Amino acid sequence: MTPASTANAPYVARDLAHIWHPCTQMKDHEREMPMIPIRRGEGVWLEDFGGRRYLDAVSSWWVNLFGHANPRINDAVRAQLERLEHVILAGFTHEAIIELSEALTSLAPQGLTRCFYADNGSAAVEVAVKMSFHYWRNVGRAQKRRFVTLSNSYHGETLGALAVGNVELYKSVYRPLLMDVITVPSPDCFDREPGESWADHSRRKFADMESALARHAHEVAAVIVEPLVQCAGGMRMYDPVYLAMLREACDRHEVHLIADEIAVGFGRTGTMFACEQAGIRPDLMCLSKGLTGGYLPLSVVMTPEPLFAAFYDEYTRLNAFLHSHSYTGNALACAAARATLGIFREDRVIERNRELAVHLGERVRALADHPHVAEVRQCGMIAAVELARDKATREPYPWQERRGLIVYRHGLERGALLRPIGNVVYFMPPYVITPEEIDFMVDVAREGIEQATRA
């Protein structure tokens, strides 16, 4: 457990008196998980009220790209604050959102020319699902109303997003509230046969998708996938060839392809967008998280012109897409996003990420020989270590043993924010991390894994 700080204690008490935290069993804060109040951040580091520092190895839930309190993003938000904080986006617009939209359409896969904004990742998925359904209705094919999703997928926790995901931990309780979807086995390469390549496994697993589309295309609006990495599903990964095959099949069966790039976009997998590695363009692309560099909630769904055109009509036809959020296109969030994209443009971020990813991969692969590590895998600036009770059979530790929690607590003791997903210890740090900080982060994780697998 992290040593208690008298400076932290008053904030912890005030927090626990009123705040219900996300993705948390609140009773854990009594003993299992110490509450850490943060007073400031700088670069990859967070600092509590007692002066203790923690390396943010998970980018504060995968959103922070260029470090906490980044001076360039700070300046952009500050300047925007002096001009305009927010304005209704229905019938009005502003410079920050115009410039952001121009920048996004120049970066995205060619042909994604329209930007529909929302507040967060789940909201973007809701928009994409509704937009696909509504498109088919507008073009006279209202029977196309179902969605195909991959097993172990995650797309958010509002009801529509939850329905098209497949992580039981989040979904099972709410199943009676959710629409029925078609679930296809994931191409997750953790399940490949001995000696089978990622590409061969992904090709073989595509047979399940092809079969589902052949049977159901007449009633399917869209397939939704997380390109290359199923993040909340334990950082499970697959080969880009699957996306290329999916794009061809969706075209052939006249089904939309929704790419949920919320967690994997903006350089996280080694290219600006994960879909680039397959050379494809989705019909709808959902972006959020890193879009604002981790500063403010903002998401966007990008579409091609023909999809937009299906909603462009006389008012009396009632074909408009009437989805809205009060804070859609918030000017402060757009300013942060515009500054974030400016850093990508000016600082050769993708190239530097590739160099950092090589160093991260070398350090993490050294854990592969551990007797309780079933697999070490990596996709760009995402690396994961899968723990197992039995290395040979890959038998997992029972979830009730909470081995990952031991790693988490050790990380806090040593000054690193590691937040394993079950038995998977992963690294998704901000891009401003140094090789020396990567060394520290991986060393702390290695120590935590030793503790977690000792008994």
Protein backbone atom coordinates (compact mmCIF):
# COMPACT_ATOMS: atom_id res chain seq x y z
CA MET A 1 0.00 0.00 0.00
CA THR A 2 1.16 3.53 -0.69
CA PRO A 3 2.28 5.23 2.54
CA ALA A 4 -0.44 7.49 3.89
CA SER A 5 0.23 11.22 3.66
CA THR A 6 -1.19 13.68 6.14
CA ALA A 7 -1.37 16.18 3.25
CA ASN A 8 -3.47 13.76 1.18
CA ALA A 9 -5.81 12.66 3.97
CA PRO A 10 -8.22 15.64 4.02
CA TYR A 11 -8.79 15.39 0.25
CA VAL A 12 -9.38 11.65 0.46
CA ALA A 13 -11.97 12.12 3.22
CA ARG A 14 -13.79 14.87 1.33
CA ASP A 15 -13.78 12.84 -1.88
CA LEU A 16 -15.14 9.67 -0.31
CA ALA A 17 -17.92 11.61 1.36
CA HIS A 18 -19.50 12.57 -1.95
CA ILE A 19 -17.91 11.14 -5.12
CA TRP A 20 -18.94 7.88 -6.78
CA HIS A 21 -15.94 6.91 -8.94
CA PRO A 22 -16.13 5.21 -12.36
CA CYS A 23 -15.25 1.56 -12.96
CA THR A 24 -14.77 1.05 -9.22
CA GLN A 25 -16.19 -0.99 -6.39
CA MET A 26 -16.21 1.89 -3.91
CA LYS A 27 -15.73 -0.43 -0.93
CA ASP A 28 -12.24 -1.17 -2.29
CA HIS A 29 -11.17 2.31 -1.25
CA GLU A 30 -11.51 1.30 2.39
CA ARG A 31 -8.54 -1.08 2.09
CA GLU A 32 -7.69 -2.59 -1.29
CA MET A 33 -7.14 0.53 -3.38
CA PRO A 34 -5.82 3.69 -1.77
CA MET A 35 -7.37 6.89 -3.10
CA ILE A 36 -4.67 9.17 -4.55
CA PRO A 37 -5.56 12.88 -4.78
CA ILE A 38 -3.49 14.62 -7.46
CA ARG A 39 -2.60 18.29 -7.15
CA ARG A 40 -0.57 18.79 -10.34
CA GLY A 41 0.85 17.09 -13.39
CA GLU A 42 3.85 17.71 -15.60
CA GLY A 43 4.91 15.60 -18.56
CA VAL A 44 4.43 11.92 -17.77
CA TRP A 45 4.34 12.60 -14.02
CA LEU A 46 1.48 13.16 -11.57
CA GLU A 47 2.08 14.54 -8.09
CA ASP A 48 -0.11 14.11 -5.00
CA PHE A 49 -0.59 16.61 -2.17
CA GLY A 50 2.22 15.02 -0.20
CA GLY A 51 4.69 15.58 -3.03
CA ARG A 52 4.83 11.92 -4.11
CA ARG A 53 5.14 11.42 -7.88
CA TYR A 54 3.65 8.73 -10.13
CA LEU A 55 4.61 7.97 -13.73
CA ASP A 56 1.37 7.88 -15.74
CA ALA A 57 1.96 4.63 -17.62
CA VAL A 58 -1.67 4.47 -18.85
CA SER A 59 -2.00 8.06 -20.14
CA SER A 60 -4.83 8.64 -17.66
CA TRP A 61 -7.14 6.13 -19.37
CA TRP A 62 -5.40 6.40 -22.74
CA VAL A 63 -6.18 10.07 -23.39
CA ASN A 64 -2.97 11.98 -22.62
CA LEU A 65 -0.64 12.10 -25.61
CA PHE A 66 1.81 14.91 -24.96
CA GLY A 67 2.08 15.06 -21.21
CA HIS A 68 0.20 16.76 -18.43
CA ALA A 69 0.15 20.58 -18.47
CA ASN A 70 1.64 20.69 -21.95
CA PRO A 71 2.65 24.32 -22.52
CA ARG A 72 1.49 24.48 -26.13
CA ILE A 73 -1.95 23.03 -25.43
CA ASN A 74 -2.21 25.20 -22.31
CA ASP A 75 -1.53 28.31 -24.39
CA ALA A 76 -4.11 27.33 -27.01
CA VAL A 77 -6.85 26.73 -24.44
CA ARG A 78 -5.94 29.92 -22.57
CA ALA A 79 -6.09 31.99 -25.76
CA GLN A 80 -9.42 30.46 -26.74
CA LEU A 81 -10.82 31.14 -23.27
CA GLU A 82 -10.23 34.85 -23.78
CA ARG A 83 -12.26 34.82 -27.01
CA LEU A 84 -15.06 32.27 -26.76
CA GLU A 85 -15.71 29.41 -24.35
CA HIS A 86 -18.76 27.85 -26.06
CA VAL A 87 -21.57 28.58 -28.47
CA ILE A 88 -24.50 26.52 -29.65
CA LEU A 89 -23.45 24.60 -32.77
CA ALA A 90 -26.96 24.48 -34.25
CA GLY A 91 -27.07 27.40 -36.64
CA PHE A 92 -23.78 28.83 -35.35
CA THR A 93 -20.12 27.97 -35.80
CA HIS A 94 -16.69 29.21 -34.68
CA GLU A 95 -13.14 29.39 -35.93
CA ALA A 96 -11.74 26.62 -33.71
CA ILE A 97 -14.14 23.97 -34.99
CA ILE A 98 -13.71 25.03 -38.61
CA GLU A 99 -9.93 24.78 -38.40
CA LEU A 100 -10.12 21.49 -36.48
CA SER A 101 -12.44 19.96 -39.08
CA GLU A 102 -10.17 21.06 -41.91
CA ALA A 103 -7.19 19.51 -40.12
CA LEU A 104 -9.01 16.24 -39.41
CA THR A 105 -10.20 15.78 -42.99
CA SER A 106 -6.66 16.35 -44.26
CA LEU A 107 -5.27 13.71 -41.85
CA ALA A 108 -7.95 11.02 -42.04
CA PRO A 109 -8.13 8.28 -44.67
CA GLN A 110 -8.94 9.92 -48.00
CA GLY A 111 -12.63 10.52 -48.54
CA LEU A 112 -13.69 11.06 -44.93
CA THR A 113 -14.82 14.63 -45.48
CA ARG A 114 -17.60 15.23 -42.95
CA CYS A 115 -17.22 15.65 -39.17
CA PHE A 116 -20.09 15.14 -36.72
CA TYR A 117 -19.08 16.08 -33.16
CA ALA A 118 -20.10 14.70 -29.78
CA ASP A 119 -18.76 14.73 -26.23
CA ASN A 120 -16.95 11.43 -25.62
CA GLY A 121 -16.14 8.06 -27.12
CA SER A 122 -19.35 6.32 -26.15
CA ALA A 123 -21.35 9.20 -27.61
CA ALA A 124 -19.40 8.90 -30.87
CA VAL A 125 -20.30 5.21 -31.11
CA GLU A 126 -23.94 6.05 -30.43
CA VAL A 127 -23.80 8.60 -33.25
CA ALA A 128 -22.20 6.11 -35.67
CA VAL A 129 -24.70 3.36 -34.88
CA LYS A 130 -27.69 5.69 -35.26
CA MET A 131 -26.23 7.26 -38.38
CA SER A 132 -25.72 3.89 -40.10
CA PHE A 133 -29.21 2.70 -39.21
CA HIS A 134 -30.72 6.01 -40.32
CA TYR A 135 -28.77 6.01 -43.60
CA TRP A 136 -30.26 2.70 -44.71
CA ARG A 137 -33.72 3.95 -43.76
CA ASN A 138 -33.22 7.12 -45.81
CA VAL A 139 -32.17 5.15 -48.89
CA GLY A 140 -35.17 2.84 -48.69
CA ARG A 141 -33.60 -0.22 -47.08
CA ALA A 142 -35.09 -0.01 -43.60
CA GLN A 143 -34.70 -3.76 -43.03
CA LYS A 144 -30.95 -3.18 -42.52
CA ARG A 145 -31.04 -2.48 -38.79
CA ARG A 146 -28.75 -5.00 -37.07
CA PHE A 147 -25.07 -4.74 -36.19
CA VAL A 148 -22.19 -7.20 -36.28
CA THR A 149 -19.56 -7.03 -33.55
CA LEU A 150 -16.53 -9.05 -32.49
CA SER A 151 -16.34 -11.13 -29.33
CA ASN A 152 -14.30 -9.46 -26.57
CA SER A 153 -14.92 -6.03 -28.13
CA TYR A 154 -15.58 -2.82 -26.23
CA HIS A 155 -17.18 0.32 -27.62
CA GLY A 156 -18.37 2.21 -24.55
CA GLU A 157 -20.96 2.00 -21.81
CA THR A 158 -23.99 3.97 -22.91
CA LEU A 159 -26.71 1.56 -23.99
CA GLY A 160 -26.14 1.57 -27.74
CA ALA A 161 -22.37 1.39 -27.36
CA LEU A 162 -22.70 -1.32 -24.74
CA ALA A 163 -24.95 -3.35 -27.02
CA VAL A 164 -22.40 -3.46 -29.85
CA GLY A 165 -19.60 -4.43 -27.45
CA ASN A 166 -18.96 -7.82 -25.94
CA VAL A 167 -17.03 -7.59 -22.66
CA GLU A 168 -19.29 -9.48 -20.26
CA LEU A 169 -18.04 -7.65 -17.17
CA TYR A 170 -19.67 -4.47 -18.44
CA LYS A 171 -22.53 -5.90 -20.46
CA SER A 172 -24.13 -8.82 -18.62
CA VAL A 173 -26.13 -6.87 -16.01
CA TYR A 174 -27.71 -4.60 -18.62
CA ARG A 175 -28.43 -7.21 -21.28
CA PRO A 176 -32.25 -6.91 -20.89
CA LEU A 177 -31.96 -3.26 -21.93
CA LEU A 178 -29.85 -3.83 -25.03
CA MET A 179 -30.60 -4.36 -28.71
CA ASP A 180 -29.79 -7.73 -30.18
CA VAL A 181 -26.55 -7.91 -32.18
CA ILE A 182 -24.68 -10.56 -34.16
CA THR A 183 -21.43 -11.53 -32.46
CA VAL A 184 -18.58 -13.04 -34.46
CA PRO A 185 -15.48 -14.67 -32.89
CA SER A 186 -12.58 -12.24 -32.58
CA PRO A 187 -9.42 -12.66 -34.67
CA ASP A 188 -7.48 -12.24 -31.40
CA CYS A 189 -4.01 -13.66 -32.10
CA PHE A 190 -3.51 -14.84 -28.52
CA ASP A 191 -5.58 -17.83 -29.65
CA ARG A 192 -3.45 -18.70 -32.69
CA GLU A 193 -2.17 -22.24 -33.17
CA PRO A 194 1.47 -23.06 -32.32
CA GLY A 195 3.67 -21.81 -35.16
CA GLU A 196 0.81 -19.93 -36.82
CA SER A 197 1.57 -16.33 -37.81
CA TRP A 198 -0.62 -13.42 -36.80
CA ALA A 199 -1.58 -12.90 -40.44
CA ASP A 200 -2.47 -16.54 -41.04
CA HIS A 201 -4.52 -16.71 -37.86
CA SER A 202 -6.38 -13.51 -38.75
CA ARG A 203 -7.12 -14.80 -42.25
CA ARG A 204 -8.40 -18.08 -40.85
CA LYS A 205 -10.65 -16.34 -38.33
CA PHE A 206 -12.16 -14.17 -41.04
CA ALA A 207 -14.17 -17.19 -42.17
CA ASP A 208 -16.49 -16.57 -39.21
CA MET A 209 -17.13 -12.99 -40.34
CA GLU A 210 -17.64 -14.01 -43.95
CA SER A 211 -20.17 -16.62 -42.89
CA ALA A 212 -22.09 -14.16 -40.71
CA LEU A 213 -22.25 -11.56 -43.48
CA ALA A 214 -23.34 -14.13 -46.04
CA ARG A 215 -26.25 -15.12 -43.79
CA HIS A 216 -27.27 -11.73 -42.45
CA ALA A 217 -26.17 -8.99 -44.86
CA HIS A 218 -29.75 -8.30 -45.92
CA GLU A 219 -30.56 -7.20 -42.35
CA VAL A 220 -27.17 -5.75 -41.27
CA ALA A 221 -26.50 -2.02 -41.21
CA ALA A 222 -22.85 -2.14 -40.16
CA VAL A 223 -19.93 -4.09 -38.74
CA ILE A 224 -18.14 -2.29 -35.92
CA VAL A 225 -14.57 -3.12 -34.90
CA GLU A 226 -11.66 -1.75 -32.90
CA PRO A 227 -8.89 -1.78 -35.50
CA LEU A 228 -5.86 -3.93 -34.51
CA VAL A 229 -6.23 -3.78 -30.70
CA GLN A 230 -9.18 -4.72 -28.48
CA CYS A 231 -8.06 -2.48 -25.65
CA ALA A 232 -10.57 -2.94 -22.82
CA GLY A 233 -10.72 -6.63 -23.73
CA GLY A 234 -7.20 -7.08 -22.37
CA MET A 235 -5.12 -5.44 -25.11
CA ARG A 236 -5.74 -8.40 -27.43
CA MET A 237 -4.34 -7.79 -30.92
CA TYR A 238 -4.74 -8.99 -34.50
CA ASP A 239 -3.17 -8.53 -37.92
CA PRO A 240 -4.11 -5.71 -40.36
CA VAL A 241 -4.99 -8.32 -43.01
CA TYR A 242 -8.26 -8.88 -41.16
CA LEU A 243 -9.26 -5.25 -41.74
CA ALA A 244 -8.43 -5.48 -45.43
CA MET A 245 -10.58 -8.59 -45.79
CA LEU A 246 -13.37 -6.97 -43.79
CA ARG A 247 -13.37 -3.88 -45.99
CA GLU A 248 -13.72 -6.01 -49.12
CA ALA A 249 -16.50 -8.12 -47.59
CA CYS A 250 -18.45 -5.09 -46.34
CA ASP A 251 -18.33 -3.59 -49.85
CA ARG A 252 -19.41 -6.86 -51.43
CA HIS A 253 -22.29 -7.39 -49.00
CA GLU A 254 -23.32 -3.68 -48.94
CA VAL A 255 -22.72 -3.21 -45.22
CA HIS A 256 -21.12 -0.22 -43.50
CA LEU A 257 -17.77 -0.60 -41.75
CA ILE A 258 -17.51 1.42 -38.51
CA ALA A 259 -13.95 1.82 -37.24
CA ASP A 260 -13.83 2.59 -33.51
CA GLU A 261 -10.44 4.33 -33.42
CA ILE A 262 -11.23 6.01 -30.11
CA ALA A 263 -8.39 4.30 -28.22
CA VAL A 264 -6.11 3.33 -31.11
CA GLY A 265 -6.15 6.50 -33.20
CA PHE A 266 -3.69 9.40 -33.17
CA GLY A 267 -0.45 7.48 -33.40
CA ARG A 268 -1.04 4.85 -30.76
CA THR A 269 -0.50 1.84 -33.03
CA GLY A 270 2.41 3.24 -35.04
CA THR A 271 0.43 5.11 -37.71
CA MET A 272 -1.83 8.12 -37.28
CA PHE A 273 -4.87 5.84 -37.57
CA ALA A 274 -4.79 2.07 -37.17
CA CYS A 275 -6.80 1.58 -40.38
CA GLU A 276 -3.87 2.95 -42.37
CA GLN A 277 -1.94 -0.26 -41.71
CA ALA A 278 -4.51 -2.15 -43.76
CA GLY A 279 -4.76 0.56 -46.43
CA ILE A 280 -8.50 0.94 -45.92
CA ARG A 281 -11.05 3.68 -45.37
CA PRO A 282 -13.99 2.91 -43.06
CA ASP A 283 -17.46 4.26 -43.79
CA LEU A 284 -17.66 5.83 -40.36
CA MET A 285 -14.65 6.50 -38.12
CA CYS A 286 -15.07 7.29 -34.41
CA LEU A 287 -12.38 9.39 -32.71
CA SER A 288 -12.02 10.71 -29.16
CA LYS A 289 -9.57 10.21 -26.23
CA GLY A 290 -6.28 11.53 -27.67
CA LEU A 291 -8.12 13.99 -29.93
CA THR A 292 -7.67 16.80 -27.37
CA GLY A 293 -4.39 15.51 -25.96
CA GLY A 294 -6.22 14.45 -22.81
CA TYR A 295 -7.48 17.91 -21.94
CA LEU A 296 -11.22 18.08 -22.55
CA PRO A 297 -14.06 15.76 -23.65
CA LEU A 298 -14.57 15.79 -27.40
CA SER A 299 -15.36 13.17 -30.01
CA VAL A 300 -16.08 13.09 -33.70
CA VAL A 301 -17.57 10.70 -36.25
CA MET A 302 -16.07 11.14 -39.71
CA THR A 303 -17.97 10.05 -42.81
CA PRO A 304 -17.62 10.23 -46.61
CA GLU A 305 -19.70 12.55 -48.75
CA PRO A 306 -22.19 9.92 -50.04
CA LEU A 307 -23.25 9.04 -46.49
CA PHE A 308 -23.75 12.73 -45.68
CA ALA A 309 -25.75 13.17 -48.88
CA ALA A 310 -28.36 10.63 -47.77
CA PHE A 311 -29.41 13.07 -45.02
CA TYR A 312 -29.22 16.24 -47.16
CA ASP A 313 -32.77 16.99 -48.29
CA GLU A 314 -35.72 19.33 -48.02
CA TYR A 315 -36.86 19.84 -44.42
CA THR A 316 -40.28 18.41 -45.14
CA ARG A 317 -38.76 15.03 -46.05
CA LEU A 318 -37.74 14.62 -42.37
CA ASN A 319 -34.46 12.97 -43.34
CA ALA A 320 -32.13 15.09 -41.18
CA PHE A 321 -29.90 13.52 -38.54
CA LEU A 322 -31.37 15.12 -35.42
CA HIS A 323 -28.79 13.94 -32.88
CA SER A 324 -27.38 16.59 -30.57
CA HIS A 325 -25.44 17.31 -27.39
CA SER A 326 -25.48 20.62 -25.53
CA TYR A 327 -21.69 20.91 -25.64
CA THR A 328 -21.24 19.68 -29.21
CA GLY A 329 -18.18 21.31 -30.76
CA ASN A 330 -17.15 23.08 -27.56
CA ALA A 331 -14.70 25.83 -28.50
CA LEU A 332 -12.23 25.14 -25.67
CA ALA A 333 -12.09 21.43 -26.52
CA CYS A 334 -11.66 22.25 -30.22
CA ALA A 335 -8.78 24.60 -29.38
CA ALA A 336 -7.07 21.83 -27.40
CA ALA A 337 -7.61 19.40 -30.28
CA ARG A 338 -6.30 21.86 -32.83
CA ALA A 339 -3.14 22.36 -30.73
CA THR A 340 -2.77 18.59 -30.37
CA LEU A 341 -2.88 18.09 -34.12
CA GLY A 342 -0.41 20.97 -34.47
CA ILE A 343 2.09 19.05 -32.32
CA PHE A 344 1.71 16.03 -34.60
CA ARG A 345 2.29 18.25 -37.62
CA GLU A 346 5.33 20.08 -36.27
CA ASP A 347 7.20 17.53 -34.13
CA ARG A 348 7.61 14.30 -36.20
CA VAL A 349 5.62 12.52 -33.51
CA ILE A 350 4.91 9.32 -35.46
CA GLU A 351 8.60 8.87 -36.29
CA ARG A 352 9.66 9.41 -32.67
CA ASN A 353 6.92 7.05 -31.46
CA ARG A 354 8.35 4.32 -33.66
CA GLU A 355 11.75 4.81 -32.05
CA LEU A 356 10.22 4.74 -28.56
CA ALA A 357 8.18 1.66 -29.48
CA VAL A 358 11.36 -0.21 -30.39
CA HIS A 359 12.82 0.56 -26.97
CA LEU A 360 9.56 -0.31 -25.20
CA GLY A 361 9.35 -3.59 -27.10
CA GLU A 362 12.91 -4.58 -26.22
CA ARG A 363 12.34 -3.95 -22.54
CA VAL A 364 8.94 -5.64 -22.37
CA ARG A 365 9.98 -8.71 -24.36
CA ALA A 366 12.53 -9.43 -21.66
CA LEU A 367 9.56 -10.43 -19.48
CA ALA A 368 8.55 -13.21 -21.87
CA ASP A 369 10.74 -15.78 -20.09
CA HIS A 370 8.97 -15.32 -16.77
CA PRO A 371 7.39 -18.62 -15.68
CA HIS A 372 3.97 -16.98 -15.33
CA VAL A 373 3.95 -14.84 -18.47
CA ALA A 374 1.88 -16.47 -21.21
CA GLU A 375 2.52 -13.81 -23.86
CA VAL A 376 4.14 -10.44 -24.46
CA ARG A 377 2.56 -8.54 -27.35
CA GLN A 378 2.93 -5.07 -28.82
CA CYS A 379 1.31 -2.79 -31.36
CA GLY A 380 3.13 0.54 -31.61
CA MET A 381 2.95 2.42 -28.32
CA ILE A 382 0.80 -0.29 -26.73
CA ALA A 383 2.49 -3.23 -25.03
CA ALA A 384 0.90 -5.93 -22.90
CA VAL A 385 2.05 -8.78 -20.67
CA GLU A 386 -0.47 -11.59 -20.15
CA LEU A 387 -0.07 -13.42 -16.82
CA ALA A 388 -1.09 -17.06 -16.43
CA ARG A 389 -1.16 -19.65 -13.70
CA ASP A 390 0.31 -22.18 -16.14
CA LYS A 391 2.60 -20.87 -18.85
CA ALA A 392 2.43 -24.03 -20.98
CA THR A 393 -1.35 -24.35 -21.08
CA ARG A 394 -2.03 -20.60 -20.66
CA GLU A 395 -4.47 -21.42 -17.88
CA PRO A 396 -5.42 -18.01 -16.44
CA TYR A 397 -5.37 -17.05 -12.82
CA PRO A 398 -8.90 -17.00 -11.40
CA TRP A 399 -10.24 -13.46 -11.61
CA GLN A 400 -11.21 -13.62 -7.94
CA GLU A 401 -7.52 -13.65 -6.97
CA ARG A 402 -7.06 -10.13 -8.42
CA ARG A 403 -3.41 -10.62 -9.33
CA GLY A 404 -3.45 -7.39 -11.31
CA LEU A 405 -4.39 -5.47 -8.19
CA ILE A 406 -1.12 -6.57 -6.61
CA VAL A 407 0.76 -5.07 -9.57
CA TYR A 408 -1.28 -1.87 -9.29
CA ARG A 409 -0.54 -1.41 -5.60
CA HIS A 410 3.15 -2.15 -6.05
CA GLY A 411 3.26 0.43 -8.82
CA LEU A 412 1.86 3.10 -6.52
CA GLU A 413 4.41 2.22 -3.86
CA ARG A 414 7.23 2.62 -6.38
CA GLY A 415 5.82 5.70 -8.11
CA ALA A 416 4.10 4.38 -11.23
CA LEU A 417 0.43 4.38 -12.23
CA LEU A 418 -0.10 0.89 -13.70
CA ARG A 419 -3.71 -0.24 -14.01
CA PRO A 420 -3.82 -3.86 -15.22
CA ILE A 421 -6.91 -5.26 -16.95
CA GLY A 422 -7.48 -8.49 -15.06
CA ASN A 423 -4.37 -10.61 -15.64
CA VAL A 424 -2.96 -8.28 -18.29
CA VAL A 425 -0.32 -5.74 -17.32
CA TYR A 426 -0.13 -3.16 -20.09
CA PHE A 427 1.73 0.00 -21.00
CA MET A 428 0.18 2.89 -22.93
CA PRO A 429 2.26 5.92 -21.86
CA PRO A 430 2.19 9.50 -23.14
CA TYR A 431 4.36 10.07 -26.20
CA VAL A 432 6.67 12.44 -24.32
CA ILE A 433 8.05 9.60 -22.22
CA THR A 434 11.84 9.12 -22.38
CA PRO A 435 13.71 5.82 -22.80
CA GLU A 436 14.88 6.15 -19.19
CA GLU A 437 11.30 6.57 -17.99
CA ILE A 438 10.29 3.51 -20.05
CA ASP A 439 13.03 1.57 -18.25
CA PHE A 440 11.68 2.64 -14.87
CA MET A 441 8.08 1.85 -15.86
CA VAL A 442 8.91 -1.66 -17.05
CA ASP A 443 11.17 -2.36 -14.06
CA VAL A 444 8.36 -1.44 -11.67
CA ALA A 445 5.97 -3.68 -13.58
CA ARG A 446 8.46 -6.55 -13.48
CA GLU A 447 8.74 -6.22 -9.70
CA GLY A 448 4.95 -6.12 -9.42
CA ILE A 449 4.59 -9.22 -11.58
CA GLU A 450 7.08 -11.04 -9.33
CA GLN A 451 4.97 -10.17 -6.30
CA ALA A 452 1.68 -11.01 -8.01
CA THR A 453 2.80 -14.46 -9.17
CA ARG A 454 4.78 -15.52 -6.11
CA ALA A 455 2.04 -17.60 -4.48
